[in-house]
N, C-alpha and C. Protein backbone atom coordinates (compact mmCIF):
# COMPACT_ATOMS: atom_id res chain seq x y z
N UNK A 1 72.99 103.97 155.94
CA UNK A 1 73.40 102.91 156.99
C UNK A 1 72.36 102.08 156.82
N UNK A 2 70.92 102.28 156.28
CA UNK A 2 70.03 101.10 156.09
C UNK A 2 70.67 100.29 154.88
N UNK A 3 71.04 100.98 153.81
CA UNK A 3 71.45 100.30 152.70
C UNK A 3 72.65 98.96 153.10
N UNK A 4 73.35 99.67 153.90
CA UNK A 4 74.72 98.79 154.34
C UNK A 4 73.95 97.33 155.19
N UNK A 5 73.15 97.74 155.92
CA UNK A 5 72.62 96.73 156.79
C UNK A 5 71.70 95.55 155.95
N UNK A 6 70.72 96.44 155.09
CA UNK A 6 70.26 95.44 153.92
C UNK A 6 71.05 94.60 152.88
N UNK A 7 72.16 95.56 152.64
CA UNK A 7 73.27 94.65 151.67
C UNK A 7 73.88 93.50 152.79
N UNK A 8 74.39 94.04 153.50
CA UNK A 8 74.93 92.47 154.40
C UNK A 8 74.09 91.61 154.62
N UNK A 9 72.77 91.73 154.93
CA UNK A 9 71.63 90.67 155.39
C UNK A 9 71.76 89.74 154.01
N UNK A 10 71.33 90.12 152.91
CA UNK A 10 71.32 89.52 151.60
C UNK A 10 72.56 88.63 151.17
N UNK A 11 73.69 89.56 151.52
CA UNK A 11 74.98 88.77 151.22
C UNK A 11 75.33 87.60 152.03
N UNK A 12 74.89 87.72 153.32
CA UNK A 12 75.15 86.65 154.28
C UNK A 12 73.96 85.53 153.86
N UNK A 13 72.83 85.85 153.74
CA UNK A 13 71.87 84.99 152.88
C UNK A 13 72.14 84.14 151.90
N UNK A 14 72.80 84.74 150.98
CA UNK A 14 73.18 83.99 149.83
C UNK A 14 74.51 83.39 150.14
N UNK A 15 75.39 83.75 151.03
CA UNK A 15 76.46 82.80 151.42
C UNK A 15 76.18 81.75 152.06
N UNK A 16 75.38 81.76 153.20
CA UNK A 16 74.71 80.80 153.90
C UNK A 16 74.04 79.65 152.72
N UNK A 17 73.22 80.07 151.85
CA UNK A 17 72.61 79.41 151.05
C UNK A 17 73.50 78.43 150.21
N UNK A 18 74.29 79.21 149.72
CA UNK A 18 75.32 78.53 148.94
C UNK A 18 76.16 77.43 149.58
N UNK A 19 76.38 77.87 151.10
CA UNK A 19 77.12 76.58 151.87
C UNK A 19 76.54 75.45 152.11
N UNK A 20 74.95 75.70 152.27
CA UNK A 20 74.30 74.58 152.65
C UNK A 20 74.02 73.76 151.58
N UNK A 21 73.66 74.44 150.21
CA UNK A 21 73.50 73.81 148.74
C UNK A 21 74.62 73.23 148.14
N UNK A 22 75.60 73.59 148.15
CA UNK A 22 77.03 73.37 147.48
C UNK A 22 78.04 72.89 148.15
N UNK A 23 78.30 73.45 149.50
CA UNK A 23 79.24 72.95 150.63
C UNK A 23 80.04 71.71 150.42
N UNK A 24 79.25 70.33 150.30
CA UNK A 24 79.51 69.14 150.28
C UNK A 24 80.09 69.12 148.72
N UNK A 25 79.63 69.76 147.92
CA UNK A 25 80.15 69.22 146.57
C UNK A 25 81.37 70.11 145.98
N UNK A 26 81.58 71.29 146.32
CA UNK A 26 82.56 72.42 146.00
C UNK A 26 82.87 72.73 146.87
N UNK A 27 84.64 73.03 146.37
CA UNK A 27 85.52 73.37 147.76
C UNK A 27 85.12 75.18 147.93
N UNK A 28 84.80 75.81 147.01
CA UNK A 28 84.68 77.08 146.94
C UNK A 28 83.53 77.52 147.80
N UNK A 29 82.63 76.68 148.11
CA UNK A 29 81.34 76.92 149.20
C UNK A 29 81.37 75.92 150.27
N UNK A 30 82.45 75.57 150.57
CA UNK A 30 82.56 74.46 151.61
C UNK A 30 82.12 75.02 153.07
N UNK A 31 82.76 75.99 153.20
CA UNK A 31 82.79 76.87 154.55
C UNK A 31 81.71 78.07 154.45
N UNK A 32 81.31 78.58 155.43
CA UNK A 32 80.85 79.98 155.07
C UNK A 32 81.86 81.15 154.90
N UNK A 33 83.06 81.31 155.19
CA UNK A 33 83.94 81.94 155.02
C UNK A 33 84.44 81.70 153.29
N UNK A 34 84.24 80.62 153.01
CA UNK A 34 84.92 80.49 151.51
C UNK A 34 83.61 80.88 150.68
N UNK A 35 82.39 80.37 150.94
CA UNK A 35 81.37 80.97 150.39
C UNK A 35 81.13 82.70 149.98
N UNK A 36 81.44 83.15 151.60
CA UNK A 36 81.37 84.72 151.21
C UNK A 36 82.44 85.10 150.19
N UNK A 37 83.74 84.59 150.40
CA UNK A 37 84.68 84.99 149.44
C UNK A 37 84.42 84.89 148.05
N UNK A 38 83.97 83.62 147.51
CA UNK A 38 83.49 83.45 146.42
C UNK A 38 82.12 84.28 146.21
N UNK A 39 81.23 84.58 146.99
CA UNK A 39 80.13 85.21 146.81
C UNK A 39 80.58 86.97 146.36
N UNK A 40 81.64 87.17 146.98
CA UNK A 40 82.05 88.54 146.92
C UNK A 40 83.00 88.42 145.53
N UNK A 41 83.52 87.44 144.97
CA UNK A 41 84.19 87.31 143.74
C UNK A 41 83.13 87.41 142.62
N UNK A 42 82.18 86.80 142.73
CA UNK A 42 80.72 86.63 141.93
C UNK A 42 80.18 88.44 141.81
N UNK A 43 80.22 88.89 143.04
CA UNK A 43 79.76 90.34 142.94
C UNK A 43 80.65 91.18 142.18
N UNK A 44 81.96 90.80 142.07
CA UNK A 44 83.18 91.73 141.49
C UNK A 44 83.35 91.17 139.73
N UNK A 45 82.46 90.27 139.45
CA UNK A 45 82.32 89.79 138.13
C UNK A 45 83.00 88.42 137.72
N UNK A 46 83.89 87.96 138.74
CA UNK A 46 84.50 86.61 138.79
C UNK A 46 83.86 85.35 139.23
N UNK A 47 83.11 84.74 138.07
CA UNK A 47 82.42 83.63 138.19
C UNK A 47 83.28 82.21 138.54
N UNK A 48 82.62 81.31 139.35
CA UNK A 48 83.16 79.84 139.87
C UNK A 48 83.41 79.05 138.65
N UNK A 49 84.50 78.64 138.88
CA UNK A 49 84.91 77.64 137.64
C UNK A 49 83.57 76.70 137.41
N UNK A 50 83.50 76.13 136.26
CA UNK A 50 82.56 75.25 135.67
C UNK A 50 81.17 75.55 136.35
N UNK A 51 80.86 76.88 136.41
CA UNK A 51 79.44 77.48 136.82
C UNK A 51 78.52 76.91 136.11
N UNK A 52 78.82 76.89 134.52
CA UNK A 52 77.68 76.53 133.55
C UNK A 52 77.41 75.33 133.55
N UNK A 53 78.22 74.32 134.23
CA UNK A 53 77.86 72.84 133.91
C UNK A 53 76.79 72.37 134.95
N UNK A 54 76.67 72.98 135.98
CA UNK A 54 75.60 72.59 137.30
C UNK A 54 74.54 73.97 136.99
N UNK A 55 73.44 73.45 136.67
CA UNK A 55 72.34 74.25 136.46
C UNK A 55 72.04 74.99 137.92
N UNK A 56 72.18 74.37 138.75
CA UNK A 56 71.73 75.06 140.43
C UNK A 56 72.67 76.01 140.46
N UNK A 57 74.25 75.76 140.12
CA UNK A 57 75.15 76.92 140.64
C UNK A 57 74.70 78.15 139.40
N UNK A 58 74.45 77.72 138.45
CA UNK A 58 73.94 78.70 137.53
C UNK A 58 72.89 79.75 137.64
N UNK A 59 71.79 79.10 138.43
CA UNK A 59 70.74 79.63 138.68
C UNK A 59 71.12 80.61 140.23
N UNK A 60 72.05 80.00 140.72
CA UNK A 60 72.24 80.52 142.03
C UNK A 60 73.34 82.03 141.88
N UNK A 61 74.01 81.84 140.98
CA UNK A 61 74.80 83.01 140.29
C UNK A 61 74.20 84.09 139.75
N UNK A 62 73.12 83.55 139.09
CA UNK A 62 72.28 84.48 138.42
C UNK A 62 71.50 85.38 139.09
N UNK A 63 71.01 84.56 140.30
CA UNK A 63 69.91 85.15 141.23
C UNK A 63 70.81 86.05 142.05
N UNK A 64 71.88 85.45 142.45
CA UNK A 64 72.48 86.50 143.65
C UNK A 64 72.73 87.68 142.77
N UNK A 65 73.32 87.55 141.60
CA UNK A 65 73.62 89.04 141.00
C UNK A 65 72.98 89.71 140.73
N UNK A 66 71.73 89.32 139.94
CA UNK A 66 70.68 90.16 140.22
C UNK A 66 69.99 90.74 141.38
N UNK A 67 70.04 90.12 142.31
CA UNK A 67 69.29 90.44 143.47
C UNK A 67 70.25 91.63 144.09
N UNK A 68 71.71 91.13 143.89
CA UNK A 68 72.85 91.82 145.15
C UNK A 68 73.12 93.22 144.17
N UNK A 69 73.09 93.02 142.91
CA UNK A 69 73.52 94.23 142.01
C UNK A 69 72.46 95.06 141.81
N UNK A 70 71.68 94.62 140.97
CA UNK A 70 70.31 95.60 140.70
C UNK A 70 69.46 95.86 141.56
N UNK A 71 69.08 95.09 142.47
CA UNK A 71 67.97 95.70 143.38
C UNK A 71 68.78 96.36 144.53
N UNK A 72 69.89 95.78 144.91
CA UNK A 72 70.72 96.84 145.83
C UNK A 72 71.13 98.26 145.54
N UNK A 73 71.31 97.95 143.98
CA UNK A 73 71.51 99.37 143.20
C UNK A 73 70.27 100.21 143.19
N UNK A 74 69.28 99.65 142.93
CA UNK A 74 68.06 100.57 142.93
C UNK A 74 67.60 101.08 144.09
N UNK A 75 68.10 100.19 145.42
CA UNK A 75 67.90 100.57 146.81
C UNK A 75 68.71 101.67 147.19
N UNK A 76 69.89 101.89 146.64
CA UNK A 76 70.68 102.91 146.95
C UNK A 76 70.39 104.06 146.33
N UNK A 77 70.21 104.00 145.24
CA UNK A 77 69.44 105.28 144.25
C UNK A 77 68.09 105.85 145.02
N UNK A 78 67.42 104.94 145.32
CA UNK A 78 66.26 105.24 146.06
C UNK A 78 66.67 106.16 147.25
N UNK A 79 67.56 105.88 147.80
CA UNK A 79 68.21 106.45 149.09
C UNK A 79 68.25 108.03 148.63
N UNK A 80 69.49 107.83 147.79
CA UNK A 80 70.07 109.43 147.41
C UNK A 80 68.88 110.20 146.68
N UNK A 81 67.70 109.79 145.95
CA UNK A 81 66.90 110.51 145.45
C UNK A 81 66.01 110.87 146.35
N UNK A 82 65.64 110.45 147.35
CA UNK A 82 65.13 110.72 148.78
C UNK A 82 65.83 112.02 149.24
N UNK A 83 67.07 111.83 149.53
CA UNK A 83 67.61 112.79 149.97
C UNK A 83 67.76 114.01 149.25
N UNK A 84 68.22 113.88 148.02
CA UNK A 84 67.83 114.85 146.90
C UNK A 84 66.48 115.89 147.14
N UNK A 85 65.68 114.89 146.96
CA UNK A 85 64.15 115.49 146.84
C UNK A 85 64.09 116.31 148.42
N UNK A 86 64.50 115.66 149.37
CA UNK A 86 64.34 116.50 150.82
C UNK A 86 65.03 117.68 150.79
N UNK A 87 66.23 118.11 149.89
CA UNK A 87 66.93 119.03 150.10
C UNK A 87 66.22 120.21 148.98
N UNK A 88 65.50 119.32 148.01
CA UNK A 88 64.84 120.28 146.99
C UNK A 88 63.75 120.92 147.56
N UNK A 89 62.85 120.19 148.09
CA UNK A 89 61.75 120.69 148.77
C UNK A 89 62.19 121.79 150.02
N UNK A 90 63.41 121.59 150.86
CA UNK A 90 64.06 122.86 151.65
C UNK A 90 64.19 124.05 151.12
N UNK A 91 64.75 124.05 150.08
CA UNK A 91 65.06 125.07 148.90
C UNK A 91 63.95 125.70 148.26
N UNK A 92 62.90 124.87 147.77
CA UNK A 92 61.81 125.55 147.84
C UNK A 92 60.80 126.18 148.38
N UNK A 93 60.88 125.70 150.03
CA UNK A 93 60.42 126.44 151.44
C UNK A 93 61.09 127.41 151.39
N UNK A 94 62.04 127.70 151.19
CA UNK A 94 63.41 128.79 151.55
C UNK A 94 62.75 130.12 151.01
N UNK A 95 62.59 131.01 151.82
CA UNK A 95 61.89 132.01 151.37
C UNK A 95 63.01 133.40 151.06
N UNK A 96 63.76 132.87 151.34
CA UNK A 96 65.00 134.07 150.90
C UNK A 96 65.65 133.60 149.56
N UNK A 97 65.45 132.21 149.19
CA UNK A 97 65.73 132.12 147.74
C UNK A 97 65.05 132.43 146.66
N UNK A 98 65.66 133.20 145.76
CA UNK A 98 65.00 133.87 144.58
C UNK A 98 65.56 133.17 143.54
N UNK A 99 64.96 133.60 142.22
CA UNK A 99 65.53 133.09 141.21
C UNK A 99 66.68 133.81 140.85
N UNK A 100 67.65 133.41 139.95
CA UNK A 100 69.16 134.02 139.62
C UNK A 100 68.47 135.70 138.98
N UNK A 101 67.82 135.56 138.08
CA UNK A 101 67.48 136.94 137.62
C UNK A 101 66.63 138.08 138.50
N UNK A 102 65.92 137.21 139.35
CA UNK A 102 65.41 138.14 140.27
C UNK A 102 66.55 138.71 141.44
N UNK A 103 67.30 137.94 141.64
CA UNK A 103 68.22 138.39 142.54
C UNK A 103 69.14 139.39 142.09
N UNK A 104 69.61 139.36 140.47
CA UNK A 104 70.29 140.16 140.02
C UNK A 104 69.54 141.58 140.08
N UNK A 105 68.43 141.61 139.38
CA UNK A 105 67.61 142.79 139.35
C UNK A 105 67.22 143.42 140.77
N UNK A 106 66.90 142.77 141.95
CA UNK A 106 66.63 143.09 143.30
C UNK A 106 68.19 143.81 143.71
N UNK A 107 69.29 143.26 143.31
CA UNK A 107 70.49 144.00 143.56
C UNK A 107 70.86 145.06 142.91
N UNK A 108 70.46 145.14 141.70
CA UNK A 108 70.65 146.42 140.89
C UNK A 108 69.66 147.42 141.43
N UNK A 109 68.53 147.07 141.88
CA UNK A 109 67.50 148.32 142.32
C UNK A 109 67.71 148.59 143.50
N UNK A 110 68.27 147.73 144.42
CA UNK A 110 69.03 148.10 145.79
C UNK A 110 70.02 148.94 145.83
N UNK A 111 70.71 148.55 145.13
CA UNK A 111 72.02 149.51 144.74
C UNK A 111 71.66 151.01 144.49
N UNK A 112 70.57 151.03 143.43
CA UNK A 112 70.22 152.04 143.04
C UNK A 112 69.60 153.20 144.01
N UNK A 113 68.84 152.55 144.64
CA UNK A 113 68.01 153.30 145.41
C UNK A 113 68.88 153.57 146.98
N UNK A 114 69.76 152.72 147.10
CA UNK A 114 70.72 153.12 148.11
C UNK A 114 71.75 154.31 147.50
N UNK A 115 72.13 154.44 146.54
CA UNK A 115 72.78 155.55 146.59
C UNK A 115 71.56 156.85 146.44
N UNK A 116 70.57 156.84 145.73
CA UNK A 116 69.87 157.76 145.44
C UNK A 116 69.14 158.26 146.94
N UNK A 117 68.87 157.61 147.75
CA UNK A 117 68.23 157.76 149.09
C UNK A 117 69.14 157.64 150.32
N UNK A 118 70.61 157.83 149.75
CA UNK A 118 71.75 157.99 150.81
C UNK A 118 71.44 156.84 151.81
N UNK A 119 71.43 155.80 151.35
CA UNK A 119 71.23 154.63 152.53
C UNK A 119 72.39 154.33 153.37
N UNK A 120 72.74 153.91 154.60
CA UNK A 120 73.72 153.98 155.24
C UNK A 120 74.61 152.50 154.62
N UNK A 121 75.81 152.82 154.85
CA UNK A 121 76.73 151.94 154.11
C UNK A 121 76.39 150.34 154.65
N UNK A 122 76.58 149.38 153.95
CA UNK A 122 76.41 148.04 154.58
C UNK A 122 77.22 147.72 155.62
N UNK A 123 78.64 148.08 155.47
CA UNK A 123 79.43 147.60 156.60
C UNK A 123 79.02 148.36 157.80
N UNK A 124 78.66 149.87 157.74
CA UNK A 124 78.29 150.50 159.10
C UNK A 124 76.95 149.83 159.56
N UNK A 125 75.88 149.40 158.71
CA UNK A 125 74.99 148.61 159.28
C UNK A 125 75.28 147.56 159.95
N UNK A 126 76.24 146.57 159.20
CA UNK A 126 76.73 145.23 159.78
C UNK A 126 77.39 145.61 161.16
N UNK A 127 78.08 146.73 160.89
CA UNK A 127 79.06 146.98 162.31
C UNK A 127 77.99 147.21 163.35
N UNK A 128 77.13 148.09 163.07
CA UNK A 128 75.97 148.28 163.96
C UNK A 128 75.24 147.25 164.95
N UNK A 129 74.86 146.32 164.00
CA UNK A 129 74.12 145.17 164.14
C UNK A 129 74.99 144.41 165.15
N UNK A 130 76.20 143.88 165.01
CA UNK A 130 77.37 143.11 165.39
C UNK A 130 77.68 143.81 166.64
N UNK A 131 78.27 144.96 166.73
CA UNK A 131 78.99 145.31 167.87
C UNK A 131 77.85 146.24 168.93
N UNK A 132 77.26 147.31 168.32
CA UNK A 132 76.23 147.94 169.21
C UNK A 132 74.96 147.30 169.46
N UNK A 133 74.45 146.59 168.98
CA UNK A 133 72.99 146.25 169.46
C UNK A 133 73.19 144.48 169.67
N UNK A 134 73.80 143.85 168.75
CA UNK A 134 74.30 142.49 168.88
C UNK A 134 73.11 141.48 168.75
N UNK A 135 72.44 141.74 167.61
CA UNK A 135 71.24 140.90 167.44
C UNK A 135 71.11 140.94 165.62
N UNK A 136 70.67 140.17 165.44
CA UNK A 136 70.22 139.97 163.91
C UNK A 136 68.88 140.50 163.35
N UNK A 137 68.03 140.79 164.53
CA UNK A 137 66.59 141.15 164.38
C UNK A 137 66.88 142.54 165.11
N UNK A 138 66.37 143.64 164.33
CA UNK A 138 66.16 145.23 164.84
C UNK A 138 65.07 145.79 164.60
N UNK A 139 64.70 146.82 164.95
CA UNK A 139 63.51 147.58 164.83
C UNK A 139 64.04 148.91 164.09
N UNK A 140 63.38 149.93 163.60
CA UNK A 140 63.65 151.16 163.17
C UNK A 140 64.33 151.88 164.17
N UNK A 141 63.81 151.86 165.22
CA UNK A 141 64.25 152.80 166.54
C UNK A 141 65.21 152.35 166.98
N UNK A 142 65.82 151.01 167.07
CA UNK A 142 66.89 150.79 167.49
C UNK A 142 67.97 150.99 166.69
N UNK A 143 67.93 151.00 165.12
CA UNK A 143 68.72 151.81 164.33
C UNK A 143 68.98 153.04 164.62
N UNK A 144 68.05 153.72 164.81
CA UNK A 144 68.21 155.38 164.89
C UNK A 144 68.94 155.27 166.18
N UNK A 145 68.38 154.57 167.39
CA UNK A 145 69.56 155.01 168.60
C UNK A 145 70.72 154.60 168.41
N UNK A 146 71.27 153.77 167.53
CA UNK A 146 72.51 153.49 167.39
C UNK A 146 72.83 154.43 166.55
N UNK A 147 72.37 155.39 165.81
CA UNK A 147 73.15 156.91 165.31
C UNK A 147 73.14 156.39 163.93
N UNK A 148 72.11 155.79 162.97
CA UNK A 148 71.82 155.99 161.79
C UNK A 148 70.85 157.20 161.51
N UNK A 149 71.16 157.95 160.53
CA UNK A 149 70.57 159.36 160.18
C UNK A 149 68.94 158.84 159.90
N UNK A 150 68.02 159.57 160.23
CA UNK A 150 66.39 159.33 159.93
C UNK A 150 66.13 158.88 158.79
N UNK A 151 65.98 159.93 157.97
CA UNK A 151 65.55 159.66 156.83
C UNK A 151 65.84 158.34 155.69
N UNK A 152 67.44 158.50 155.51
CA UNK A 152 68.00 157.14 155.04
C UNK A 152 67.55 155.78 155.38
N UNK A 153 67.56 155.82 156.81
CA UNK A 153 67.26 154.64 157.51
C UNK A 153 65.82 154.40 157.35
N UNK A 154 64.66 155.08 157.55
CA UNK A 154 63.23 155.26 157.22
C UNK A 154 63.21 154.52 155.81
N UNK A 155 63.78 155.18 154.63
CA UNK A 155 63.66 154.56 153.25
C UNK A 155 64.55 153.27 153.35
N UNK A 156 65.34 153.06 154.02
CA UNK A 156 66.03 151.51 153.89
C UNK A 156 64.64 150.44 154.43
N UNK A 157 64.18 150.88 155.10
CA UNK A 157 63.51 149.97 156.13
C UNK A 157 61.96 149.64 155.44
N UNK A 158 61.55 150.89 154.23
CA UNK A 158 60.66 150.71 153.53
C UNK A 158 61.25 149.71 152.33
N UNK A 159 62.13 150.07 152.01
CA UNK A 159 62.58 149.17 150.60
C UNK A 159 62.71 147.83 150.85
N UNK A 160 63.13 147.45 152.08
CA UNK A 160 63.03 146.03 152.47
C UNK A 160 61.83 145.52 153.10
N UNK A 161 60.88 146.09 153.44
CA UNK A 161 59.48 145.89 153.99
C UNK A 161 58.74 145.08 152.82
N UNK A 162 59.21 145.58 151.52
CA UNK A 162 58.31 145.17 150.48
C UNK A 162 58.87 143.65 150.22
N UNK A 163 59.82 143.12 150.78
CA UNK A 163 60.42 141.55 150.57
C UNK A 163 59.34 140.88 151.50
N UNK A 164 58.77 139.46 150.77
CA UNK A 164 58.07 138.87 151.60
C UNK A 164 59.12 138.07 152.61
N UNK A 165 60.07 138.02 152.52
CA UNK A 165 61.14 137.20 153.37
C UNK A 165 61.78 137.93 154.43
N UNK A 166 61.39 139.50 154.51
CA UNK A 166 61.96 140.19 155.26
C UNK A 166 60.69 140.88 156.29
N UNK A 167 60.73 140.71 157.30
CA UNK A 167 59.68 141.22 158.15
C UNK A 167 60.29 142.33 158.87
N UNK A 168 59.90 143.46 158.95
CA UNK A 168 60.38 145.09 159.55
C UNK A 168 59.29 145.16 160.65
N UNK A 169 59.94 145.27 161.76
CA UNK A 169 58.86 145.80 163.05
C UNK A 169 59.26 147.12 163.48
């Protein structure tokens, strides 16, 4: 919304300037409305007739084109890049986000350990968390009270405790 406000301010400034400078001489700049229409046409690439005959209009067209197109484009890109950098920083700070290879390896290790130690089924744990306990953070004791077997649940907690982003209590 900052871009729109700045763009409109610059657009109206150039339209007003054109009306004051060329309004008495040229029809396309005679009123503020006509200047705004001509200014928009200049932005779209359509130049006023005989603009190259008058040096003042040529300078006006050149300045308005450069400022409104290139500088405003630069401003818009700065806004987009700033937003991108903010999202990128949030992703870097996200502790649960790991690299693709790390995620794949961790998934394979978790699957093998789960089969080896007979961890509870993921659906069963999710159902217990959702229905019986109703929380996303649980302790080992709460899982045991919900009916999960002792040794597989203990090994499950030990496994996930090694992750920095999971805090077992």
